[in-house]
Amino acid sequence: MNIKKNNKKIVTCNGCLYFFVTYKKERPWGCKKFGFISKFLPAREVFSTTGIECAYRTEKISN
């Protein structure tokens, strides 16, 4: 899901094929595409590191 704020898209991880929950207290979220776990949502981690929104978000297909 992309949310527009001030004419910019904000990428969210919920519903992304690569997003997962680790159940680790210190680093509860992860991204399979980038191969990391984080204290923050992966999309926010990518933005804070690179300065651009995540370009790999892929909607999860539900059956």
N, C-alpha and C. Protein backbone atom coordinates (compact mmCIF):
# COMPACT_ATOMS: atom_id res chain seq x y z
N MET A 1 0.84 -1.18 0.00
CA MET A 1 0.00 0.00 0.00
C MET A 1 0.88 1.24 0.00
N ASN A 2 0.57 2.12 -0.86
CA ASN A 2 1.28 3.40 -0.92
C ASN A 2 0.34 4.49 -0.42
N ILE A 3 0.84 5.35 0.43
CA ILE A 3 0.07 6.46 0.95
C ILE A 3 0.71 7.74 0.44
N LYS A 4 -0.11 8.65 -0.08
CA LYS A 4 0.44 9.92 -0.57
C LYS A 4 0.44 10.93 0.56
N LYS A 5 1.56 11.62 0.70
CA LYS A 5 1.69 12.68 1.70
C LYS A 5 2.52 13.77 1.06
N ASN A 6 1.93 14.96 0.94
CA ASN A 6 2.62 16.08 0.30
C ASN A 6 3.11 15.73 -1.09
N ASN A 7 2.27 15.05 -1.88
CA ASN A 7 2.57 14.63 -3.25
C ASN A 7 3.71 13.62 -3.34
N LYS A 8 4.08 12.99 -2.24
CA LYS A 8 5.10 11.94 -2.26
C LYS A 8 4.46 10.63 -1.82
N LYS A 9 4.86 9.53 -2.42
CA LYS A 9 4.37 8.23 -2.02
C LYS A 9 5.17 7.75 -0.82
N ILE A 10 4.46 7.26 0.18
CA ILE A 10 5.11 6.65 1.33
C ILE A 10 4.85 5.16 1.24
N VAL A 11 5.89 4.39 1.10
CA VAL A 11 5.77 2.95 0.95
C VAL A 11 5.61 2.31 2.32
N THR A 12 4.65 1.41 2.43
CA THR A 12 4.46 0.67 3.67
C THR A 12 4.74 -0.81 3.43
N CYS A 13 5.14 -1.49 4.47
CA CYS A 13 5.52 -2.90 4.34
C CYS A 13 4.34 -3.87 4.44
N ASN A 14 3.27 -3.47 5.10
CA ASN A 14 2.13 -4.36 5.27
C ASN A 14 1.59 -4.80 3.92
N GLY A 15 1.43 -6.10 3.74
CA GLY A 15 0.93 -6.65 2.50
C GLY A 15 2.00 -6.92 1.46
N CYS A 16 3.26 -6.60 1.78
CA CYS A 16 4.36 -6.85 0.84
C CYS A 16 4.80 -8.30 0.89
N LEU A 17 5.11 -8.86 -0.25
CA LEU A 17 5.56 -10.24 -0.37
C LEU A 17 6.84 -10.50 0.42
N TYR A 18 7.71 -9.53 0.55
CA TYR A 18 9.01 -9.70 1.19
C TYR A 18 9.03 -9.39 2.68
N PHE A 19 7.96 -8.81 3.20
CA PHE A 19 7.88 -8.42 4.61
C PHE A 19 7.60 -9.64 5.49
N PHE A 20 8.29 -9.72 6.63
CA PHE A 20 7.99 -10.79 7.58
C PHE A 20 8.23 -10.34 9.01
N VAL A 21 7.63 -11.07 9.96
CA VAL A 21 7.77 -10.79 11.38
C VAL A 21 8.73 -11.81 11.96
N THR A 22 9.71 -11.34 12.74
CA THR A 22 10.73 -12.24 13.29
C THR A 22 10.38 -12.75 14.67
N TYR A 23 9.55 -12.05 15.42
CA TYR A 23 9.20 -12.36 16.80
C TYR A 23 10.39 -12.20 17.74
N LYS A 24 11.42 -11.49 17.30
CA LYS A 24 12.55 -11.15 18.16
C LYS A 24 12.26 -9.77 18.74
N LYS A 25 12.38 -9.65 20.03
CA LYS A 25 12.03 -8.40 20.71
C LYS A 25 12.86 -7.22 20.21
N GLU A 26 14.14 -7.43 19.98
CA GLU A 26 15.04 -6.34 19.57
C GLU A 26 14.89 -5.96 18.11
N ARG A 27 14.54 -6.92 17.27
CA ARG A 27 14.41 -6.68 15.82
C ARG A 27 13.21 -7.46 15.30
N PRO A 28 12.02 -6.88 15.45
CA PRO A 28 10.80 -7.64 15.15
C PRO A 28 10.40 -7.75 13.68
N TRP A 29 10.97 -6.94 12.78
CA TRP A 29 10.54 -6.96 11.38
C TRP A 29 11.71 -7.23 10.44
N GLY A 30 11.38 -7.83 9.28
CA GLY A 30 12.42 -8.12 8.32
C GLY A 30 11.96 -7.99 6.88
N CYS A 31 12.94 -7.98 5.99
CA CYS A 31 12.69 -7.89 4.56
C CYS A 31 13.48 -9.00 3.86
N LYS A 32 12.78 -9.89 3.19
CA LYS A 32 13.43 -11.00 2.48
C LYS A 32 14.19 -10.50 1.24
N LYS A 33 13.71 -9.45 0.61
CA LYS A 33 14.35 -8.92 -0.60
C LYS A 33 15.73 -8.35 -0.28
N PHE A 34 15.80 -7.55 0.80
CA PHE A 34 17.08 -6.95 1.19
C PHE A 34 17.87 -7.85 2.13
N GLY A 35 17.22 -8.82 2.75
CA GLY A 35 17.92 -9.78 3.61
C GLY A 35 18.35 -9.22 4.96
N PHE A 36 17.48 -8.46 5.61
CA PHE A 36 17.83 -7.95 6.94
C PHE A 36 16.62 -7.96 7.87
N ILE A 37 16.90 -7.88 9.17
CA ILE A 37 15.87 -7.69 10.18
C ILE A 37 16.18 -6.38 10.89
N SER A 38 15.14 -5.75 11.43
CA SER A 38 15.33 -4.40 11.96
C SER A 38 14.41 -4.09 13.12
N LYS A 39 14.80 -3.11 13.89
CA LYS A 39 13.97 -2.58 14.96
C LYS A 39 12.82 -1.76 14.39
N PHE A 40 13.02 -1.24 13.19
CA PHE A 40 12.02 -0.41 12.52
C PHE A 40 11.46 -1.15 11.31
N LEU A 41 10.32 -0.69 10.80
CA LEU A 41 9.78 -1.30 9.59
C LEU A 41 10.80 -1.18 8.47
N PRO A 42 10.98 -2.23 7.68
CA PRO A 42 12.00 -2.23 6.63
C PRO A 42 11.92 -1.04 5.67
N ALA A 43 10.73 -0.63 5.29
CA ALA A 43 10.60 0.51 4.36
C ALA A 43 11.19 1.78 4.98
N ARG A 44 11.01 1.96 6.27
CA ARG A 44 11.58 3.13 6.95
C ARG A 44 13.10 3.00 7.06
N GLU A 45 13.57 1.81 7.28
CA GLU A 45 15.01 1.55 7.36
C GLU A 45 15.67 1.82 6.01
N VAL A 46 15.04 1.37 4.94
CA VAL A 46 15.56 1.61 3.59
C VAL A 46 15.60 3.11 3.31
N PHE A 47 14.52 3.82 3.65
CA PHE A 47 14.48 5.26 3.41
C PHE A 47 15.54 6.00 4.21
N SER A 48 15.70 5.64 5.48
CA SER A 48 16.68 6.34 6.31
C SER A 48 18.12 6.06 5.87
N THR A 49 18.35 4.90 5.27
CA THR A 49 19.69 4.53 4.82
C THR A 49 20.02 5.11 3.44
N THR A 50 19.05 5.01 2.51
CA THR A 50 19.32 5.41 1.13
C THR A 50 18.77 6.78 0.75
N GLY A 51 17.75 7.24 1.48
CA GLY A 51 17.13 8.51 1.15
C GLY A 51 16.04 8.40 0.09
N ILE A 52 15.74 7.17 -0.36
CA ILE A 52 14.67 6.96 -1.33
C ILE A 52 13.72 5.90 -0.80
N GLU A 53 12.48 5.95 -1.27
CA GLU A 53 11.49 4.96 -0.85
C GLU A 53 11.82 3.60 -1.46
N CYS A 54 11.40 2.55 -0.80
CA CYS A 54 11.65 1.18 -1.27
C CYS A 54 10.99 0.97 -2.64
N ALA A 55 11.77 0.50 -3.60
CA ALA A 55 11.26 0.28 -4.95
C ALA A 55 10.89 -1.18 -5.19
N TYR A 56 11.11 -2.05 -4.20
CA TYR A 56 10.88 -3.48 -4.39
C TYR A 56 9.57 -3.98 -3.79
N ARG A 57 8.75 -3.09 -3.26
CA ARG A 57 7.50 -3.53 -2.65
C ARG A 57 6.65 -4.23 -3.70
N THR A 58 6.26 -5.46 -3.37
CA THR A 58 5.44 -6.27 -4.25
C THR A 58 4.23 -6.76 -3.47
N GLU A 59 3.04 -6.49 -3.96
CA GLU A 59 1.83 -6.88 -3.26
C GLU A 59 1.74 -8.41 -3.16
N LYS A 60 1.46 -8.87 -1.95
CA LYS A 60 1.30 -10.30 -1.69
C LYS A 60 -0.01 -10.76 -2.31
N ILE A 61 0.03 -11.86 -3.03
CA ILE A 61 -1.18 -12.41 -3.67
C ILE A 61 -1.80 -13.40 -2.71
N SER A 62 -3.05 -13.13 -2.32
CA SER A 62 -3.73 -14.05 -1.39
C SER A 62 -4.67 -14.96 -2.17
N ASN A 63 -4.75 -16.19 -1.72
CA ASN A 63 -5.61 -17.18 -2.41
C ASN A 63 -6.97 -17.18 -1.85
